[in-house]
Amino acid sequence: MLTVDKLKDFGANVDEGLTRCMGREDFYLMLVGKALSDKRLDTLNEQLKEKDLDAAFETAHALKGMYSNLSLDPLTKPVSEMTELLRSRTDTDYTALLQEARAQFEKLCCL
């Protein structure tokens, strides 16, 4: 069962996330739960494989917004880095950043 204590141990800035959710722990945990069912990391992976940098930017930017608003800092960091590289249409190997995002996502899913 997902708890704020587990999220804190994960590295989320729970206090910041709760502030955005008007202090409602149940609402915050529900939103984090919705983020766990989001499949856009898979979409981002496919877009990067296809070198569709415009679509990959849009997906990464949306993920960055979701993770940032929930203060899921361990996920926000690699996705933010990808977003900024994609913003400038940098054609590079995104494997390490995507693997880091996936690893953090898996950790979050196991909480």
C-alpha atoms as a PDB file:
ATOM      1  CA  MET A   1       0.000   0.000   0.000  1.00  0.00           C
ATOM      2  CA  LEU A   2       1.325   3.402  -1.005  1.00  0.00           C
ATOM      3  CA  THR A   3       1.933   5.799   1.890  1.00  0.00           C
ATOM      4  CA  VAL A   4       3.492   9.217   2.292  1.00  0.00           C
ATOM      5  CA  ASP A   5       6.259   7.639   4.382  1.00  0.00           C
ATOM      6  CA  LYS A   6       7.135   5.249   1.556  1.00  0.00           C
ATOM      7  CA  LEU A   7       7.110   8.162  -0.890  1.00  0.00           C
ATOM      8  CA  LYS A   8       9.454  10.109   1.388  1.00  0.00           C
ATOM      9  CA  ASP A   9      11.791   7.099   1.506  1.00  0.00           C
ATOM     10  CA  PHE A  10      11.632   6.995  -2.305  1.00  0.00           C
ATOM     11  CA  GLY A  11      12.867  10.592  -2.377  1.00  0.00           C
ATOM     12  CA  ALA A  12       9.647  12.411  -3.189  1.00  0.00           C
ATOM     13  CA  ASN A  13       9.220  15.870  -1.717  1.00  0.00           C
ATOM     14  CA  VAL A  14       5.946  14.877  -0.085  1.00  0.00           C
ATOM     15  CA  ASP A  15       5.487  18.160   1.773  1.00  0.00           C
ATOM     16  CA  GLU A  16       5.629  20.068  -1.507  1.00  0.00           C
ATOM     17  CA  GLY A  17       3.289  17.587  -3.195  1.00  0.00           C
ATOM     18  CA  LEU A  18       0.809  17.820  -0.339  1.00  0.00           C
ATOM     19  CA  THR A  19       0.885  21.605  -0.542  1.00  0.00           C
ATOM     20  CA  ARG A  20      -0.135  21.372  -4.193  1.00  0.00           C
ATOM     21  CA  CYS A  21      -2.964  19.066  -3.133  1.00  0.00           C
ATOM     22  CA  MET A  22      -4.249  21.449  -0.464  1.00  0.00           C
ATOM     23  CA  GLY A  23      -2.846  19.211   2.264  1.00  0.00           C
ATOM     24  CA  ARG A  24      -5.149  16.357   1.305  1.00  0.00           C
ATOM     25  CA  GLU A  25      -3.087  13.205   1.710  1.00  0.00           C
ATOM     26  CA  ASP A  26      -5.795  10.991   0.170  1.00  0.00           C
ATOM     27  CA  PHE A  27      -5.943  13.195  -2.937  1.00  0.00           C
ATOM     28  CA  TYR A  28      -2.153  13.259  -3.267  1.00  0.00           C
ATOM     29  CA  LEU A  29      -1.878   9.472  -2.959  1.00  0.00           C
ATOM     30  CA  MET A  30      -4.682   9.032  -5.496  1.00  0.00           C
ATOM     31  CA  LEU A  31      -2.821  11.239  -7.994  1.00  0.00           C
ATOM     32  CA  VAL A  32       0.432   9.350  -7.439  1.00  0.00           C
ATOM     33  CA  GLY A  33      -1.524   6.139  -8.007  1.00  0.00           C
ATOM     34  CA  LYS A  34      -2.763   7.513 -11.320  1.00  0.00           C
ATOM     35  CA  ALA A  35       0.827   8.345 -12.283  1.00  0.00           C
ATOM     36  CA  LEU A  36       1.724   4.706 -11.647  1.00  0.00           C
ATOM     37  CA  SER A  37      -0.748   3.599 -14.311  1.00  0.00           C
ATOM     38  CA  ASP A  38       0.581   6.071 -16.885  1.00  0.00           C
ATOM     39  CA  LYS A  39       2.193   4.360 -19.896  1.00  0.00           C
ATOM     40  CA  ARG A  40       3.879   7.377 -21.471  1.00  0.00           C
ATOM     41  CA  LEU A  41       7.393   6.195 -20.571  1.00  0.00           C
ATOM     42  CA  ASP A  42       6.766   3.352 -23.037  1.00  0.00           C
ATOM     43  CA  THR A  43       5.490   5.849 -25.584  1.00  0.00           C
ATOM     44  CA  LEU A  44       8.568   8.019 -25.055  1.00  0.00           C
ATOM     45  CA  ASN A  45      10.817   5.015 -25.580  1.00  0.00           C
ATOM     46  CA  GLU A  46       9.137   4.233 -28.920  1.00  0.00           C
ATOM     47  CA  GLN A  47       9.290   7.855 -30.055  1.00  0.00           C
ATOM     48  CA  LEU A  48      12.987   8.017 -29.267  1.00  0.00           C
ATOM     49  CA  LYS A  49      13.625   4.737 -31.124  1.00  0.00           C
ATOM     50  CA  GLU A  50      11.845   6.220 -34.144  1.00  0.00           C
ATOM     51  CA  LYS A  51      13.816   9.484 -33.737  1.00  0.00           C
ATOM     52  CA  ASP A  52      10.546  11.413 -33.611  1.00  0.00           C
ATOM     53  CA  LEU A  53      12.069  14.184 -31.522  1.00  0.00           C
ATOM     54  CA  ASP A  54       9.055  16.497 -31.734  1.00  0.00           C
ATOM     55  CA  ALA A  55       6.649  13.872 -30.400  1.00  0.00           C
ATOM     56  CA  ALA A  56       9.242  12.729 -27.843  1.00  0.00           C
ATOM     57  CA  PHE A  57       9.561  16.310 -26.601  1.00  0.00           C
ATOM     58  CA  GLU A  58       5.787  16.590 -26.132  1.00  0.00           C
ATOM     59  CA  THR A  59       5.669  13.295 -24.224  1.00  0.00           C
ATOM     60  CA  ALA A  60       8.710  14.069 -22.066  1.00  0.00           C
ATOM     61  CA  HIS A  61       7.341  17.544 -21.316  1.00  0.00           C
ATOM     62  CA  ALA A  62       4.002  16.081 -20.191  1.00  0.00           C
ATOM     63  CA  LEU A  63       5.775  13.531 -17.975  1.00  0.00           C
ATOM     64  CA  LYS A  64       7.990  16.233 -16.510  1.00  0.00           C
ATOM     65  CA  GLY A  65       4.893  18.245 -15.613  1.00  0.00           C
ATOM     66  CA  MET A  66       3.151  15.293 -14.001  1.00  0.00           C
ATOM     67  CA  TYR A  67       6.175  14.148 -11.998  1.00  0.00           C
ATOM     68  CA  SER A  68       7.084  17.711 -10.995  1.00  0.00           C
ATOM     69  CA  ASN A  69       3.588  18.551  -9.821  1.00  0.00           C
ATOM     70  CA  LEU A  70       3.582  15.415  -7.683  1.00  0.00           C
ATOM     71  CA  SER A  71       7.108  16.230  -6.459  1.00  0.00           C
ATOM     72  CA  LEU A  72       8.378  12.798  -7.486  1.00  0.00           C
ATOM     73  CA  ASP A  73      11.925  14.130  -7.631  1.00  0.00           C
ATOM     74  CA  PRO A  74      13.747  10.881  -8.521  1.00  0.00           C
ATOM     75  CA  LEU A  75      11.570  10.626 -11.651  1.00  0.00           C
ATOM     76  CA  THR A  76      11.546  14.329 -12.406  1.00  0.00           C
ATOM     77  CA  LYS A  77      15.335  14.580 -12.736  1.00  0.00           C
ATOM     78  CA  PRO A  78      15.969  12.233 -15.697  1.00  0.00           C
ATOM     79  CA  VAL A  79      12.762  13.261 -17.467  1.00  0.00           C
ATOM     80  CA  SER A  80      13.635  16.947 -17.065  1.00  0.00           C
ATOM     81  CA  GLU A  81      17.057  16.336 -18.583  1.00  0.00           C
ATOM     82  CA  MET A  82      15.461  14.560 -21.544  1.00  0.00           C
ATOM     83  CA  THR A  83      12.921  17.346 -21.951  1.00  0.00           C
ATOM     84  CA  GLU A  84      15.582  20.028 -22.167  1.00  0.00           C
ATOM     85  CA  LEU A  85      17.655  18.052 -24.669  1.00  0.00           C
ATOM     86  CA  LEU A  86      14.564  17.367 -26.750  1.00  0.00           C
ATOM     87  CA  ARG A  87      13.467  21.001 -26.539  1.00  0.00           C
ATOM     88  CA  SER A  88      16.593  21.877 -28.516  1.00  0.00           C
ATOM     89  CA  ARG A  89      16.046  18.834 -30.784  1.00  0.00           C
ATOM     90  CA  THR A  90      19.308  17.232 -29.675  1.00  0.00           C
ATOM     91  CA  ASP A  91      19.820  13.983 -31.559  1.00  0.00           C
ATOM     92  CA  THR A  92      21.701  11.944 -28.966  1.00  0.00           C
ATOM     93  CA  ASP A  93      21.537   8.608 -27.209  1.00  0.00           C
ATOM     94  CA  TYR A  94      18.805   8.915 -24.575  1.00  0.00           C
ATOM     95  CA  THR A  95      19.261   5.345 -23.331  1.00  0.00           C
ATOM     96  CA  ALA A  96      20.878   6.178 -19.976  1.00  0.00           C
ATOM     97  CA  LEU A  97      18.300   8.821 -19.082  1.00  0.00           C
ATOM     98  CA  LEU A  98      15.415   6.612 -20.148  1.00  0.00           C
ATOM     99  CA  GLN A  99      16.832   3.685 -18.162  1.00  0.00           C
ATOM    100  CA  GLU A 100      17.157   5.908 -15.090  1.00  0.00           C
ATOM    101  CA  ALA A 101      13.557   7.074 -15.473  1.00  0.00           C
ATOM    102  CA  ARG A 102      12.355   3.484 -15.890  1.00  0.00           C
ATOM    103  CA  ALA A 103      14.372   2.319 -12.859  1.00  0.00           C
ATOM    104  CA  GLN A 104      12.886   5.075 -10.709  1.00  0.00           C
ATOM    105  CA  PHE A 105       9.407   4.333 -12.041  1.00  0.00           C
ATOM    106  CA  GLU A 106       9.828   0.650 -11.133  1.00  0.00           C
ATOM    107  CA  LYS A 107      10.994   1.602  -7.629  1.00  0.00           C
ATOM    108  CA  LEU A 108       7.910   3.753  -7.262  1.00  0.00           C
ATOM    109  CA  CYS A 109       5.668   0.946  -8.478  1.00  0.00           C
ATOM    110  CA  CYS A 110       7.111  -1.391  -5.845  1.00  0.00           C
ATOM    111  CA  LEU A 111       6.237   0.888  -2.925  1.00  0.00           C
END
